[in-house]
Structures are given as C-alpha cells and as structure tokens.
Protein backbone atom coordinates (compact mmCIF):
# COMPACT_ATOMS: atom_id res chain seq x y z
CA MET A 1 21.40 10.98 -14.43
CA GLY A 2 17.81 9.28 -13.96
CA ALA A 3 14.84 9.85 -11.24
CA HIS A 4 15.15 8.52 -7.95
CA MET A 5 13.25 6.75 -6.05
CA TYR A 6 11.64 7.84 -2.61
CA VAL A 7 12.89 5.19 -0.31
CA CYS A 8 11.57 6.96 3.68
CA LEU A 9 8.13 9.11 2.46
CA CYS A 10 7.76 10.02 5.57
CA ARG A 11 11.40 12.13 5.19
CA GLY A 12 11.95 12.72 2.09
CA ILE A 13 14.36 10.03 1.34
CA THR A 14 15.72 8.78 -1.89
CA ASP A 15 17.55 5.35 -2.85
CA GLN A 16 20.46 7.94 -3.59
CA ASP A 17 20.52 9.26 -0.21
CA ILE A 18 20.74 5.46 1.31
CA LYS A 19 23.46 4.27 -1.24
CA ASP A 20 25.63 7.96 -0.77
CA ALA A 21 25.65 7.66 2.99
CA VAL A 22 27.04 3.92 1.88
CA ALA A 23 29.34 4.77 -0.28
CA ASN A 24 30.62 7.55 2.22
CA GLY A 25 31.48 5.22 4.81
CA ALA A 26 27.95 4.16 6.19
CA GLU A 27 28.27 0.23 6.92
CA SER A 28 24.69 -0.73 8.92
CA PHE A 29 21.16 0.22 9.08
CA ARG A 30 21.78 1.95 11.75
CA GLU A 31 24.22 3.95 10.95
CA ILE A 32 21.98 4.89 7.84
CA ARG A 33 18.99 5.51 10.79
CA ASP A 34 21.32 7.89 12.21
CA LEU A 35 22.60 9.78 10.14
CA LEU A 36 19.62 10.35 8.13
CA ASP A 37 16.20 9.62 10.66
CA LEU A 38 15.51 7.25 8.07
CA GLY A 39 11.76 4.57 8.91
CA THR A 40 10.98 6.47 12.34
CA CYS A 41 8.52 7.63 11.79
CA CYS A 42 5.70 5.43 10.00
CA GLY A 43 8.64 2.35 9.78
CA ARG A 44 7.30 1.69 5.86
CA CYS A 45 10.62 1.51 4.38
CA ALA A 46 12.94 -0.17 7.19
CA PRO A 47 12.51 -3.47 5.41
CA GLU A 48 13.08 -2.01 1.50
CA ALA A 49 15.78 0.67 2.86
CA ARG A 50 17.24 -2.76 4.64
CA ASN A 51 17.33 -4.64 1.06
CA LEU A 52 19.20 -1.64 -0.76
CA ILE A 53 22.29 -1.12 2.55
CA ASN A 54 23.13 -4.75 1.69
CA GLU A 55 22.46 -4.63 -1.97
CA GLU A 56 24.91 -1.22 -2.06
CA LEU A 57 27.51 -3.06 0.46
CA ALA A 58 27.56 -6.10 -1.45
CA ALA A 59 28.16 -4.15 -4.24
CA ILE A 60 30.98 -2.37 -2.84
CA ALA A 61 32.54 -5.32 -1.01
CA ALA A 62 32.28 -6.65 -4.73
CA LYS A 63 34.45 -4.48 -6.38
CA ILE A 64 37.49 -4.81 -3.65
CA SER A 65 37.46 -8.28 -3.70
CA ILE A 66 38.61 -7.50 -7.95
CA ALA A 67 40.67 -5.30 -6.52
CA ALA A 68 42.63 -7.15 -4.35
C-alpha cells in the first residue's frame, strides 16, 4: 500500500481516512466533518477535502451504474 497524504494536518486525517468514511456510507463533507472532526481547526483542508469526497462519491456512483 502506498503512502497516504495528509489532508487535514491539524487533526492528522489522511486521504485514506476520508476514502474509508465515504466507503462506509458518509455522503457529504458535513457528515465527514462531524465524523472525523475534519476542517474544524484552521479550515485550510476544506477545499481539498471536498474535492476528494466528491471524487470518491462519483467513483462509487460510477460503479453502481455499471453494476445496474
């Protein structure tokens, strides 16, 4: 497994933590913020975290549409 990138330095949250949260059913930035305490300190990670969450949700949607 490759190295993980820190998305939220204040809380020590990696891209994998966010991907896992989406895989486990989180469907929005707000849900993941509440779940992981993401973006609640300095807020610099919010734009990158939102992009990552949107990418993960789109990837899941694409897999579901292929399976359907």
